């Protein structure tokens, strides 16, 4: 089992930044590819970003490229999502997730999920 706990969400104005953190425990963190997803009210959960086990390979959804950066610190068992130039449409609950597989775009590929952290961006 892997336990994931997100933090760092909040209410911010458009154009500002937030950094989300996700602390993992329970298994060897570096065995897992990590991902960030988000879910807005009335919408399906969608892929935001992913990072490979050693942090070398990253991929992003098109709507966050150039604004968000995913990173990880395997010594601290933590994955981060730096979010810059936030827009009101970024408002959602953000979830981190872990998978031992290589697929990463679909939520079903992930075995473990955190409880989520709310991000609200006002205009």
PDB file of N, CA and C in Angstrom:
ATOM      1  N   UNK A   1       0.826  -1.194   0.000  1.00  0.00           N
ATOM      2  CA  UNK A   1       0.000   0.000   0.000  1.00  0.00           C
ATOM      3  C   UNK A   1       0.863   1.248   0.000  1.00  0.00           C
ATOM      4  N   UNK A   2       0.382   2.249  -0.690  1.00  0.00           N
ATOM      5  CA  UNK A   2       1.021   3.560  -0.698  1.00  0.00           C
ATOM      6  C   UNK A   2      -0.003   4.573  -0.212  1.00  0.00           C
ATOM      7  N   UNK A   3       0.388   5.386   0.743  1.00  0.00           N
ATOM      8  CA  UNK A   3      -0.472   6.455   1.221  1.00  0.00           C
ATOM      9  C   UNK A   3       0.038   7.773   0.659  1.00  0.00           C
ATOM     10  N   UNK A   4      -0.883   8.566   0.144  1.00  0.00           N
ATOM     11  CA  UNK A   4      -0.541   9.850  -0.467  1.00  0.00           C
ATOM     12  C   UNK A   4      -1.346  10.956   0.206  1.00  0.00           C
ATOM     13  N   UNK A   5      -0.662  12.034   0.560  1.00  0.00           N
ATOM     14  CA  UNK A   5      -1.316  13.162   1.208  1.00  0.00           C
ATOM     15  C   UNK A   5      -0.908  14.439   0.495  1.00  0.00           C
ATOM     16  N   UNK A   6      -1.890  15.105  -0.117  1.00  0.00           N
ATOM     17  CA  UNK A   6      -1.625  16.369  -0.815  1.00  0.00           C
ATOM     18  C   UNK A   6      -1.760  17.547   0.143  1.00  0.00           C
ATOM     19  N   UNK A   7      -1.063  18.615  -0.193  1.00  0.00           N
ATOM     20  CA  UNK A   7      -1.172  19.865   0.555  1.00  0.00           C
ATOM     21  C   UNK A   7      -0.798  21.011  -0.358  1.00  0.00           C
ATOM     22  N   UNK A   8      -1.106  22.225   0.092  1.00  0.00           N
ATOM     23  CA  UNK A   8      -0.677  23.407  -0.648  1.00  0.00           C
ATOM     24  C   UNK A   8      -1.767  24.109  -1.429  1.00  0.00           C
ATOM     25  N   UNK A   9      -2.970  23.543  -1.456  1.00  0.00           N
ATOM     26  CA  UNK A   9      -4.050  24.214  -2.165  1.00  0.00           C
ATOM     27  C   UNK A   9      -4.511  25.456  -1.438  1.00  0.00           C
ATOM     28  N   UNK A  10      -5.395  26.206  -2.089  1.00  0.00           N
ATOM     29  CA  UNK A  10      -5.915  27.409  -1.461  1.00  0.00           C
ATOM     30  C   UNK A  10      -6.668  28.268  -2.445  1.00  0.00           C
ATOM     31  N   UNK A  11      -7.020  29.459  -1.979  1.00  0.00           N
ATOM     32  CA  UNK A  11      -7.726  30.449  -2.798  1.00  0.00           C
ATOM     33  C   UNK A  11      -6.724  31.524  -3.200  1.00  0.00           C
ATOM     34  N   UNK A  12      -6.564  31.704  -4.506  1.00  0.00           N
ATOM     35  CA  UNK A  12      -5.611  32.684  -5.012  1.00  0.00           C
ATOM     36  C   UNK A  12      -6.243  33.477  -6.143  1.00  0.00           C
ATOM     37  N   UNK A  13      -5.606  34.585  -6.486  1.00  0.00           N
ATOM     38  CA  UNK A  13      -6.077  35.389  -7.605  1.00  0.00           C
ATOM     39  C   UNK A  13      -5.450  34.916  -8.908  1.00  0.00           C
ATOM     40  N   UNK A  14      -6.142  35.180  -9.993  1.00  0.00           N
ATOM     41  CA  UNK A  14      -5.618  34.836 -11.309  1.00  0.00           C
ATOM     42  C   UNK A  14      -4.266  35.508 -11.523  1.00  0.00           C
ATOM     43  N   UNK A  15      -3.365  34.766 -12.153  1.00  0.00           N
ATOM     44  CA  UNK A  15      -2.039  35.292 -12.444  1.00  0.00           C
ATOM     45  C   UNK A  15      -0.996  34.970 -11.396  1.00  0.00           C
ATOM     46  N   UNK A  16      -1.434  34.462 -10.261  1.00  0.00           N
ATOM     47  CA  UNK A  16      -0.494  34.133  -9.185  1.00  0.00           C
ATOM     48  C   UNK A  16      -0.098  32.665  -9.238  1.00  0.00           C
ATOM     49  N   UNK A  17       0.651  32.236  -8.226  1.00  0.00           N
ATOM     50  CA  UNK A  17       1.222  30.887  -8.230  1.00  0.00           C
ATOM     51  C   UNK A  17       0.864  30.124  -6.964  1.00  0.00           C
ATOM     52  N   UNK A  18       0.910  28.810  -7.079  1.00  0.00           N
ATOM     53  CA  UNK A  18       0.788  27.909  -5.945  1.00  0.00           C
ATOM     54  C   UNK A  18       1.714  26.727  -6.185  1.00  0.00           C
ATOM     55  N   UNK A  19       2.191  26.134  -5.099  1.00  0.00           N
ATOM     56  CA  UNK A  19       2.935  24.893  -5.220  1.00  0.00           C
ATOM     57  C   UNK A  19       2.226  23.815  -4.398  1.00  0.00           C
ATOM     58  N   UNK A  20       1.817  22.781  -5.064  1.00  0.00           N
ATOM     59  CA  UNK A  20       1.213  21.644  -4.392  1.00  0.00           C
ATOM     60  C   UNK A  20       2.287  20.618  -4.052  1.00  0.00           C
ATOM     61  N   UNK A  21       2.095  19.961  -2.936  1.00  0.00           N
ATOM     62  CA  UNK A  21       2.988  18.885  -2.524  1.00  0.00           C
ATOM     63  C   UNK A  21       2.172  17.629  -2.294  1.00  0.00           C
ATOM     64  N   UNK A  22       2.818  16.501  -2.479  1.00  0.00           N
ATOM     65  CA  UNK A  22       2.174  15.219  -2.216  1.00  0.00           C
ATOM     66  C   UNK A  22       3.205  14.333  -1.534  1.00  0.00           C
ATOM     67  N   UNK A  23       2.961  14.038  -0.276  1.00  0.00           N
ATOM     68  CA  UNK A  23       3.878  13.211   0.505  1.00  0.00           C
ATOM     69  C   UNK A  23       3.422  11.764   0.467  1.00  0.00           C
ATOM     70  N   UNK A  24       4.356  10.876   0.176  1.00  0.00           N
ATOM     71  CA  UNK A  24       4.046   9.455   0.063  1.00  0.00           C
ATOM     72  C   UNK A  24       4.661   8.678   1.212  1.00  0.00           C
ATOM     73  N   UNK A  25       4.000   7.597   1.572  1.00  0.00           N
ATOM     74  CA  UNK A  25       4.528   6.697   2.597  1.00  0.00           C
ATOM     75  C   UNK A  25       4.042   5.294   2.315  1.00  0.00           C
ATOM     76  N   UNK A  26       4.717   4.337   2.879  1.00  0.00           N
ATOM     77  CA  UNK A  26       4.264   2.958   2.820  1.00  0.00           C
ATOM     78  C   UNK A  26       5.092   2.030   1.969  1.00  0.00           C
ATOM     79  N   UNK A  27       5.525   2.466   0.817  1.00  0.00           N
ATOM     80  CA  UNK A  27       6.333   1.630  -0.063  1.00  0.00           C
ATOM     81  C   UNK A  27       7.494   2.477  -0.585  1.00  0.00           C
ATOM     82  N   UNK A  28       8.363   1.876  -1.363  1.00  0.00           N
ATOM     83  CA  UNK A  28       9.497   2.603  -1.917  1.00  0.00           C
ATOM     84  C   UNK A  28       9.012   3.596  -2.960  1.00  0.00           C
ATOM     85  N   UNK A  29       9.133   4.860  -2.638  1.00  0.00           N
ATOM     86  CA  UNK A  29       8.577   5.927  -3.477  1.00  0.00           C
ATOM     87  C   UNK A  29       9.124   5.883  -4.897  1.00  0.00           C
ATOM     88  N   UNK A  30      10.410   5.600  -5.023  1.00  0.00           N
ATOM     89  CA  UNK A  30      11.043   5.641  -6.342  1.00  0.00           C
ATOM     90  C   UNK A  30      10.624   4.469  -7.225  1.00  0.00           C
ATOM     91  N   UNK A  31       9.831   3.552  -6.727  1.00  0.00           N
ATOM     92  CA  UNK A  31       9.291   2.462  -7.541  1.00  0.00           C
ATOM     93  C   UNK A  31       8.082   2.903  -8.353  1.00  0.00           C
ATOM     94  N   UNK A  32       7.597   4.122  -8.087  1.00  0.00           N
ATOM     95  CA  UNK A  32       6.337   4.564  -8.660  1.00  0.00           C
ATOM     96  C   UNK A  32       6.492   5.771  -9.563  1.00  0.00           C
ATOM     97  N   UNK A  33       5.863   5.673 -10.712  1.00  0.00           N
ATOM     98  CA  UNK A  33       5.601   6.873 -11.521  1.00  0.00           C
ATOM     99  C   UNK A  33       4.496   7.638 -10.803  1.00  0.00           C
ATOM    100  N   UNK A  34       4.627   8.959 -10.787  1.00  0.00           N
ATOM    101  CA  UNK A  34       3.647   9.803 -10.096  1.00  0.00           C
ATOM    102  C   UNK A  34       2.909  10.692 -11.091  1.00  0.00           C
ATOM    103  N   UNK A  35       1.683  10.981 -10.750  1.00  0.00           N
ATOM    104  CA  UNK A  35       0.895  11.858 -11.611  1.00  0.00           C
ATOM    105  C   UNK A  35       0.052  12.820 -10.796  1.00  0.00           C
ATOM    106  N   UNK A  36      -0.324  13.900 -11.435  1.00  0.00           N
ATOM    107  CA  UNK A  36      -1.292  14.854 -10.880  1.00  0.00           C
ATOM    108  C   UNK A  36      -2.502  14.878 -11.806  1.00  0.00           C
ATOM    109  N   UNK A  37      -3.669  14.823 -11.205  1.00  0.00           N
ATOM    110  CA  UNK A  37      -4.937  14.941 -11.907  1.00  0.00           C
ATOM    111  C   UNK A  37      -5.747  16.044 -11.239  1.00  0.00           C
ATOM    112  N   UNK A  38      -6.792  16.473 -11.926  1.00  0.00           N
ATOM    113  CA  UNK A  38      -7.685  17.442 -11.296  1.00  0.00           C
ATOM    114  C   UNK A  38      -9.128  17.155 -11.708  1.00  0.00           C
ATOM    115  N   UNK A  39     -10.029  17.605 -10.861  1.00  0.00           N
ATOM    116  CA  UNK A  39     -11.457  17.413 -11.140  1.00  0.00           C
ATOM    117  C   UNK A  39     -12.209  18.655 -10.722  1.00  0.00           C
ATOM    118  N   UNK A  40     -12.823  19.281 -11.708  1.00  0.00           N
ATOM    119  CA  UNK A  40     -13.653  20.454 -11.458  1.00  0.00           C
ATOM    120  C   UNK A  40     -15.096  20.001 -11.247  1.00  0.00           C
ATOM    121  N   UNK A  41     -15.905  20.829 -10.596  1.00  0.00           N
ATOM    122  CA  UNK A  41     -17.306  20.444 -10.358  1.00  0.00           C
ATOM    123  C   UNK A  41     -18.027  20.114 -11.651  1.00  0.00           C
ATOM    124  N   UNK A  42     -18.695  18.979 -11.669  1.00  0.00           N
ATOM    125  CA  UNK A  42     -19.465  18.583 -12.837  1.00  0.00           C
ATOM    126  C   UNK A  42     -18.653  18.042 -13.988  1.00  0.00           C
ATOM    127  N   UNK A  43     -17.343  17.898 -13.788  1.00  0.00           N
ATOM    128  CA  UNK A  43     -16.471  17.406 -14.865  1.00  0.00           C
ATOM    129  C   UNK A  43     -15.763  16.131 -14.430  1.00  0.00           C
ATOM    130  N   UNK A  44     -15.267  15.408 -15.413  1.00  0.00           N
ATOM    131  CA  UNK A  44     -14.510  14.197 -15.116  1.00  0.00           C
ATOM    132  C   UNK A  44     -13.100  14.561 -14.664  1.00  0.00           C
ATOM    133  N   UNK A  45     -12.498  13.613 -13.943  1.00  0.00           N
ATOM    134  CA  UNK A  45     -11.114  13.801 -13.527  1.00  0.00           C
ATOM    135  C   UNK A  45     -10.230  13.785 -14.771  1.00  0.00           C
ATOM    136  N   UNK A  46      -9.288  14.743 -14.820  1.00  0.00           N
ATOM    137  CA  UNK A  46      -8.448  14.848 -16.008  1.00  0.00           C
ATOM    138  C   UNK A  46      -6.973  14.873 -15.643  1.00  0.00           C
ATOM    139  N   UNK A  47      -6.168  14.368 -16.559  1.00  0.00           N
ATOM    140  CA  UNK A  47      -4.725  14.326 -16.410  1.00  0.00           C
ATOM    141  C   UNK A  47      -4.143  15.729 -16.440  1.00  0.00           C
ATOM    142  N   UNK A  48      -3.170  15.964 -15.560  1.00  0.00           N
ATOM    143  CA  UNK A  48      -2.486  17.253 -15.532  1.00  0.00           C
ATOM    144  C   UNK A  48      -1.006  17.067 -15.888  1.00  0.00           C
ATOM    145  N   UNK A  49      -0.321  16.179 -15.158  1.00  0.00           N
ATOM    146  CA  UNK A  49       1.120  16.015 -15.367  1.00  0.00           C
ATOM    147  C   UNK A  49       1.569  14.687 -14.790  1.00  0.00           C
ATOM    148  N   UNK A  50       2.705  14.217 -15.273  1.00  0.00           N
ATOM    149  CA  UNK A  50       3.278  12.983 -14.763  1.00  0.00           C
ATOM    150  C   UNK A  50       4.786  13.087 -14.751  1.00  0.00           C
ATOM    151  N   UNK A  51       5.409  12.296 -13.890  1.00  0.00           N
ATOM    152  CA  UNK A  51       6.860  12.286 -13.798  1.00  0.00           C
ATOM    153  C   UNK A  51       7.313  10.845 -13.588  1.00  0.00           C
ATOM    154  N   UNK A  52       8.395  10.489 -14.254  1.00  0.00           N
ATOM    155  CA  UNK A  52       8.885   9.116 -14.163  1.00  0.00           C
ATOM    156  C   UNK A  52       9.542   8.868 -12.813  1.00  0.00           C
ATOM    157  N   UNK A  53       9.904   7.617 -12.596  1.00  0.00           N
ATOM    158  CA  UNK A  53      10.381   7.203 -11.279  1.00  0.00           C
ATOM    159  C   UNK A  53      11.620   7.952 -10.826  1.00  0.00           C
ATOM    160  N   UNK A  54      12.512   8.243 -11.746  1.00  0.00           N
ATOM    161  CA  UNK A  54      13.739   8.960 -11.376  1.00  0.00           C
ATOM    162  C   UNK A  54      13.644  10.447 -11.678  1.00  0.00           C
ATOM    163  N   UNK A  55      12.477  10.878 -12.145  1.00  0.00           N
ATOM    164  CA  UNK A  55      12.265  12.302 -12.386  1.00  0.00           C
ATOM    165  C   UNK A  55      12.821  12.811 -13.697  1.00  0.00           C
ATOM    166  N   UNK A  56      13.192  11.895 -14.585  1.00  0.00           N
ATOM    167  CA  UNK A  56      13.834  12.317 -15.832  1.00  0.00           C
ATOM    168  C   UNK A  56      12.803  12.673 -16.898  1.00  0.00           C
ATOM    169  N   UNK A  57      11.747  11.874 -16.985  1.00  0.00           N
ATOM    170  CA  UNK A  57      10.747  12.070 -18.035  1.00  0.00           C
ATOM    171  C   UNK A  57       9.490  12.682 -17.433  1.00  0.00           C
ATOM    172  N   UNK A  58       9.040  13.767 -18.054  1.00  0.00           N
ATOM    173  CA  UNK A  58       7.845  14.466 -17.603  1.00  0.00           C
ATOM    174  C   UNK A  58       6.927  14.687 -18.794  1.00  0.00           C
ATOM    175  N   UNK A  59       5.649  14.733 -18.513  1.00  0.00           N
ATOM    176  CA  UNK A  59       4.693  15.053 -19.556  1.00  0.00           C
ATOM    177  C   UNK A  59       3.554  15.843 -18.942  1.00  0.00           C
ATOM    178  N   UNK A  60       2.919  16.662 -19.778  1.00  0.00           N
ATOM    179  CA  UNK A  60       1.903  17.575 -19.297  1.00  0.00           C
ATOM    180  C   UNK A  60       0.691  17.576 -20.225  1.00  0.00           C
ATOM    181  N   UNK A  61      -0.437  17.892 -19.647  1.00  0.00           N
ATOM    182  CA  UNK A  61      -1.603  18.170 -20.476  1.00  0.00           C
ATOM    183  C   UNK A  61      -1.355  19.475 -21.223  1.00  0.00           C
ATOM    184  N   UNK A  62      -1.933  19.585 -22.392  1.00  0.00           N
ATOM    185  CA  UNK A  62      -1.696  20.761 -23.207  1.00  0.00           C
ATOM    186  C   UNK A  62      -2.100  22.060 -22.537  1.00  0.00           C
ATOM    187  N   UNK A  63      -3.144  22.007 -21.728  1.00  0.00           N
ATOM    188  CA  UNK A  63      -3.647  23.250 -21.135  1.00  0.00           C
ATOM    189  C   UNK A  63      -2.774  23.775 -19.994  1.00  0.00           C
ATOM    190  N   UNK A  64      -1.742  23.018 -19.570  1.00  0.00           N
ATOM    191  CA  UNK A  64      -0.862  23.507 -18.518  1.00  0.00           C
ATOM    192  C   UNK A  64       0.588  23.661 -18.961  1.00  0.00           C
ATOM    193  N   UNK A  65       0.888  23.249 -20.173  1.00  0.00           N
ATOM    194  CA  UNK A  65       2.274  23.349 -20.640  1.00  0.00           C
ATOM    195  C   UNK A  65       2.757  24.787 -20.604  1.00  0.00           C
ATOM    196  N   UNK A  66       3.954  24.949 -20.046  1.00  0.00           N
ATOM    197  CA  UNK A  66       4.522  26.275 -19.928  1.00  0.00           C
ATOM    198  C   UNK A  66       4.104  27.014 -18.670  1.00  0.00           C
ATOM    199  N   UNK A  67       3.098  26.505 -17.974  1.00  0.00           N
ATOM    200  CA  UNK A  67       2.644  27.156 -16.733  1.00  0.00           C
ATOM    201  C   UNK A  67       2.914  26.297 -15.501  1.00  0.00           C
ATOM    202  N   UNK A  68       2.754  24.996 -15.628  1.00  0.00           N
ATOM    203  CA  UNK A  68       2.924  24.072 -14.503  1.00  0.00           C
ATOM    204  C   UNK A  68       4.207  23.273 -14.681  1.00  0.00           C
ATOM    205  N   UNK A  69       4.830  22.937 -13.548  1.00  0.00           N
ATOM    206  CA  UNK A  69       6.022  22.108 -13.560  1.00  0.00           C
ATOM    207  C   UNK A  69       5.895  21.028 -12.493  1.00  0.00           C
ATOM    208  N   UNK A  70       6.086  19.795 -12.893  1.00  0.00           N
ATOM    209  CA  UNK A  70       6.071  18.680 -11.953  1.00  0.00           C
ATOM    210  C   UNK A  70       7.508  18.324 -11.603  1.00  0.00           C
ATOM    211  N   UNK A  71       7.729  17.979 -10.352  1.00  0.00           N
ATOM    212  CA  UNK A  71       9.057  17.557  -9.910  1.00  0.00           C
ATOM    213  C   UNK A  71       8.886  16.576  -8.757  1.00  0.00           C
ATOM    214  N   UNK A  72       9.961  15.925  -8.410  1.00  0.00           N
ATOM    215  CA  UNK A  72       9.905  14.991  -7.292  1.00  0.00           C
ATOM    216  C   UNK A  72      11.236  14.975  -6.565  1.00  0.00           C
ATOM    217  N   UNK A  73      11.170  14.645  -5.296  1.00  0.00           N
ATOM    218  CA  UNK A  73      12.355  14.483  -4.466  1.00  0.00           C
ATOM    219  C   UNK A  73      12.239  13.101  -3.836  1.00  0.00           C
ATOM    220  N   UNK A  74      12.941  12.132  -4.387  1.00  0.00           N
ATOM    221  CA  UNK A  74      12.806  10.765  -3.892  1.00  0.00           C
ATOM    222  C   UNK A  74      13.379  10.600  -2.487  1.00  0.00           C
ATOM    223  N   UNK A  75      14.297  11.467  -2.108  1.00  0.00           N
ATOM    224  CA  UNK A  75      14.832  11.399  -0.746  1.00  0.00           C
ATOM    225  C   UNK A  75      13.795  11.846   0.279  1.00  0.00           C
ATOM    226  N   UNK A  76      12.852  12.675  -0.170  1.00  0.00           N
ATOM    227  CA  UNK A  76      11.808  13.177   0.724  1.00  0.00           C
ATOM    228  C   UNK A  76      10.465  12.503   0.467  1.00  0.00           C
ATOM    229  N   UNK A  77      10.435  11.563  -0.473  1.00  0.00           N
ATOM    230  CA  UNK A  77       9.183  10.852  -0.803  1.00  0.00           C
ATOM    231  C   UNK A  77       8.064  11.830  -1.156  1.00  0.00           C
ATOM    232  N   UNK A  78       8.402  12.840  -1.929  1.00  0.00           N
ATOM    233  CA  UNK A  78       7.441  13.893  -2.215  1.00  0.00           C
ATOM    234  C   UNK A  78       7.470  14.253  -3.697  1.00  0.00           C
ATOM    235  N   UNK A  79       6.285  14.494  -4.240  1.00  0.00           N
ATOM    236  CA  UNK A  79       6.147  15.016  -5.594  1.00  0.00           C
ATOM    237  C   UNK A  79       5.486  16.386  -5.497  1.00  0.00           C
ATOM    238  N   UNK A  80       5.879  17.271  -6.387  1.00  0.00           N
ATOM    239  CA  UNK A  80       5.404  18.649  -6.355  1.00  0.00           C
ATOM    240  C   UNK A  80       4.739  19.022  -7.672  1.00  0.00           C
ATOM    241  N   UNK A  81       3.876  20.013  -7.591  1.00  0.00           N
ATOM    242  CA  UNK A  81       3.325  20.626  -8.794  1.00  0.00           C
ATOM    243  C   UNK A  81       3.380  22.135  -8.601  1.00  0.00           C
ATOM    244  N   UNK A  82       4.308  22.764  -9.293  1.00  0.00           N
ATOM    245  CA  UNK A  82       4.421  24.223  -9.278  1.00  0.00           C
ATOM    246  C   UNK A  82       3.474  24.778 -10.332  1.00  0.00           C
ATOM    247  N   UNK A  83       2.558  25.614  -9.902  1.00  0.00           N
ATOM    248  CA  UNK A  83       1.549  26.149 -10.806  1.00  0.00           C
ATOM    249  C   UNK A  83       1.709  27.658 -10.882  1.00  0.00           C
ATOM    250  N   UNK A  84       2.049  28.150 -12.052  1.00  0.00           N
ATOM    251  CA  UNK A  84       2.221  29.589 -12.278  1.00  0.00           C
ATOM    252  C   UNK A  84       1.148  30.111 -13.213  1.00  0.00           C
ATOM    253  N   UNK A  85       0.984  31.399 -13.228  1.00  0.00           N
ATOM    254  CA  UNK A  85       0.010  32.053 -14.119  1.00  0.00           C
ATOM    255  C   UNK A  85      -1.350  31.372 -14.038  1.00  0.00           C
ATOM    256  N   UNK A  86      -1.814  31.189 -12.841  1.00  0.00           N
ATOM    257  CA  UNK A  86      -3.072  30.473 -12.648  1.00  0.00           C
ATOM    258  C   UNK A  86      -4.253  31.225 -13.256  1.00  0.00           C
ATOM    259  N   UNK A  87      -5.201  30.454 -13.763  1.00  0.00           N
ATOM    260  CA  UNK A  87      -6.395  30.989 -14.396  1.00  0.00           C
ATOM    261  C   UNK A  87      -7.628  30.487 -13.642  1.00  0.00           C
ATOM    262  N   UNK A  88      -8.728  31.186 -13.733  1.00  0.00           N
ATOM    263  CA  UNK A  88      -9.952  30.700 -13.070  1.00  0.00           C
ATOM    264  C   UNK A  88     -10.330  29.288 -13.497  1.00  0.00           C
ATOM    265  N   UNK A  89     -10.044  28.931 -14.741  1.00  0.00           N
ATOM    266  CA  UNK A  89     -10.387  27.589 -15.217  1.00  0.00           C
ATOM    267  C   UNK A  89      -9.497  26.506 -14.628  1.00  0.00           C
ATOM    268  N   UNK A  90      -8.472  26.887 -13.887  1.00  0.00           N
ATOM    269  CA  UNK A  90      -7.666  25.902 -13.165  1.00  0.00           C
ATOM    270  C   UNK A  90      -8.319  25.496 -11.843  1.00  0.00           C
ATOM    271  N   UNK A  91      -9.407  26.136 -11.495  1.00  0.00           N
ATOM    272  CA  UNK A  91     -10.107  25.801 -10.253  1.00  0.00           C
ATOM    273  C   UNK A  91     -10.578  24.352 -10.284  1.00  0.00           C
ATOM    274  N   UNK A  92     -10.169  23.592  -9.275  1.00  0.00           N
ATOM    275  CA  UNK A  92     -10.494  22.157  -9.222  1.00  0.00           C
ATOM    276  C   UNK A  92      -9.917  21.575  -7.939  1.00  0.00           C
ATOM    277  N   UNK A  93     -10.294  20.340  -7.681  1.00  0.00           N
ATOM    278  CA  UNK A  93      -9.593  19.547  -6.669  1.00  0.00           C
ATOM    279  C   UNK A  93      -8.449  18.847  -7.390  1.00  0.00           C
ATOM    280  N   UNK A  94      -7.264  18.984  -6.835  1.00  0.00           N
ATOM    281  CA  UNK A  94      -6.073  18.382  -7.432  1.00  0.00           C
ATOM    282  C   UNK A  94      -5.680  17.145  -6.635  1.00  0.00           C
ATOM    283  N   UNK A  95      -5.456  16.061  -7.370  1.00  0.00           N
ATOM    284  CA  UNK A  95      -5.110  14.773  -6.763  1.00  0.00           C
ATOM    285  C   UNK A  95      -3.734  14.330  -7.251  1.00  0.00           C
ATOM    286  N   UNK A  96      -2.961  13.748  -6.358  1.00  0.00           N
ATOM    287  CA  UNK A  96      -1.777  13.038  -6.823  1.00  0.00           C
ATOM    288  C   UNK A  96      -2.068  11.550  -6.811  1.00  0.00           C
ATOM    289  N   UNK A  97      -1.334  10.828  -7.640  1.00  0.00           N
ATOM    290  CA  UNK A  97      -1.576   9.404  -7.810  1.00  0.00           C
ATOM    291  C   UNK A  97      -0.272   8.696  -8.129  1.00  0.00           C
ATOM    292  N   UNK A  98      -0.244   7.409  -7.824  1.00  0.00           N
ATOM    293  CA  UNK A  98       0.967   6.612  -8.027  1.00  0.00           C
ATOM    294  C   UNK A  98       0.638   5.354  -8.817  1.00  0.00           C
ATOM    295  N   UNK A  99       1.571   4.992  -9.699  1.00  0.00           N
ATOM    296  CA  UNK A  99       1.415   3.769 -10.471  1.00  0.00           C
ATOM    297  C   UNK A  99       2.756   3.070 -10.637  1.00  0.00           C
ATOM    298  N   UNK A 100       2.724   1.758 -10.676  1.00  0.00           N
ATOM    299  CA  UNK A 100       3.938   1.000 -10.971  1.00  0.00           C
ATOM    300  C   UNK A 100       4.023   0.660 -12.453  1.00  0.00           C
ATOM    301  N   UNK A 101       2.996   1.018 -13.201  1.00  0.00           N
ATOM    302  CA  UNK A 101       2.975   0.751 -14.619  1.00  0.00           C
ATOM    303  C   UNK A 101       3.605   1.875 -15.424  1.00  0.00           C
ATOM    304  N   UNK A 102       3.578   1.727 -16.724  1.00  0.00           N
ATOM    305  CA  UNK A 102       4.160   2.722 -17.617  1.00  0.00           C
ATOM    306  C   UNK A 102       3.114   3.631 -18.245  1.00  0.00           C
ATOM    307  N   UNK A 103       1.870   3.190 -18.263  1.00  0.00           N
ATOM    308  CA  UNK A 103       0.810   4.065 -18.753  1.00  0.00           C
ATOM    309  C   UNK A 103       0.565   5.159 -17.739  1.00  0.00           C
ATOM    310  N   UNK A 104       0.259   6.364 -18.219  1.00  0.00           N
ATOM    311  CA  UNK A 104       0.114   7.445 -17.249  1.00  0.00           C
ATOM    312  C   UNK A 104      -0.971   8.442 -17.562  1.00  0.00           C
ATOM    313  N   UNK A 105      -1.567   8.390 -18.725  1.00  0.00           N
ATOM    314  CA  UNK A 105      -2.527   9.423 -19.102  1.00  0.00           C
ATOM    315  C   UNK A 105      -3.894   9.192 -18.463  1.00  0.00           C
ATOM    316  N   UNK A 106      -4.255   7.936 -18.306  1.00  0.00           N
ATOM    317  CA  UNK A 106      -5.591   7.614 -17.824  1.00  0.00           C
ATOM    318  C   UNK A 106      -5.599   7.362 -16.322  1.00  0.00           C
ATOM    319  N   UNK A 107      -6.614   7.878 -15.668  1.00  0.00           N
ATOM    320  CA  UNK A 107      -6.716   7.713 -14.220  1.00  0.00           C
ATOM    321  C   UNK A 107      -6.738   6.244 -13.826  1.00  0.00           C
ATOM    322  N   UNK A 108      -7.332   5.403 -14.664  1.00  0.00           N
ATOM    323  CA  UNK A 108      -7.432   3.976 -14.347  1.00  0.00           C
ATOM    324  C   UNK A 108      -6.071   3.300 -14.255  1.00  0.00           C
ATOM    325  N   UNK A 109      -5.031   3.934 -14.786  1.00  0.00           N
ATOM    326  CA  UNK A 109      -3.695   3.344 -14.747  1.00  0.00           C
ATOM    327  C   UNK A 109      -3.046   3.466 -13.379  1.00  0.00           C
ATOM    328  N   UNK A 110      -3.605   4.291 -12.519  1.00  0.00           N
ATOM    329  CA  UNK A 110      -2.997   4.571 -11.215  1.00  0.00           C
ATOM    330  C   UNK A 110      -3.643   3.737 -10.116  1.00  0.00           C
ATOM    331  N   UNK A 111      -2.782   3.209  -9.241  1.00  0.00           N
ATOM    332  CA  UNK A 111      -3.247   2.308  -8.201  1.00  0.00           C
ATOM    333  C   UNK A 111      -3.593   3.021  -6.900  1.00  0.00           C
ATOM    334  N   UNK A 112      -2.930   4.130  -6.650  1.00  0.00           N
ATOM    335  CA  UNK A 112      -3.090   4.806  -5.361  1.00  0.00           C
ATOM    336  C   UNK A 112      -3.362   6.282  -5.582  1.00  0.00           C
ATOM    337  N   UNK A 113      -4.227   6.813  -4.727  1.00  0.00           N
ATOM    338  CA  UNK A 113      -4.663   8.204  -4.845  1.00  0.00           C
ATOM    339  C   UNK A 113      -4.647   8.887  -3.480  1.00  0.00           C
ATOM    340  N   UNK A 114      -4.360  10.182  -3.519  1.00  0.00           N
ATOM    341  CA  UNK A 114      -4.530  10.984  -2.325  1.00  0.00           C
ATOM    342  C   UNK A 114      -5.971  11.459  -2.199  1.00  0.00           C
ATOM    343  N   UNK A 115      -6.230  12.213  -1.158  1.00  0.00           N
ATOM    344  CA  UNK A 115      -7.586  12.683  -0.885  1.00  0.00           C
ATOM    345  C   UNK A 115      -7.909  13.962  -1.654  1.00  0.00           C
ATOM    346  N   UNK A 116      -6.905  14.602  -2.200  1.00  0.00           N
ATOM    347  CA  UNK A 116      -7.114  15.814  -2.984  1.00  0.00           C
ATOM    348  C   UNK A 116      -6.936  17.080  -2.178  1.00  0.00           C
ATOM    349  N   UNK A 117      -6.601  18.152  -2.885  1.00  0.00           N
ATOM    350  CA  UNK A 117      -6.482  19.476  -2.281  1.00  0.00           C
ATOM    351  C   UNK A 117      -7.170  20.473  -3.204  1.00  0.00           C
ATOM    352  N   UNK A 118      -7.964  21.354  -2.613  1.00  0.00           N
ATOM    353  CA  UNK A 118      -8.763  22.287  -3.402  1.00  0.00           C
ATOM    354  C   UNK A 118      -7.919  23.480  -3.833  1.00  0.00           C
ATOM    355  N   UNK A 119      -7.996  23.793  -5.113  1.00  0.00           N
ATOM    356  CA  UNK A 119      -7.387  25.003  -5.663  1.00  0.00           C
ATOM    357  C   UNK A 119      -8.512  25.844  -6.261  1.00  0.00           C
ATOM    358  N   UNK A 120      -8.619  27.072  -5.792  1.00  0.00           N
ATOM    359  CA  UNK A 120      -9.635  27.984  -6.303  1.00  0.00           C
ATOM    360  C   UNK A 120      -8.946  29.253  -6.785  1.00  0.00           C
ATOM    361  N   UNK A 121      -9.187  29.598  -8.032  1.00  0.00           N
ATOM    362  CA  UNK A 121      -8.557  30.778  -8.637  1.00  0.00           C
ATOM    363  C   UNK A 121      -9.643  31.789  -8.960  1.00  0.00           C
ATOM    364  N   UNK A 122      -9.553  32.940  -8.342  1.00  0.00           N
ATOM    365  CA  UNK A 122     -10.542  33.984  -8.568  1.00  0.00           C
ATOM    366  C   UNK A 122     -10.074  34.933  -9.663  1.00  0.00           C
ATOM    367  N   UNK A 123     -11.035  35.503 -10.369  1.00  0.00           N
ATOM    368  CA  UNK A 123     -10.685  36.414 -11.477  1.00  0.00           C
ATOM    369  C   UNK A 123     -10.582  37.843 -11.005  1.00  0.00           C
TER     370      UNK A 123
END
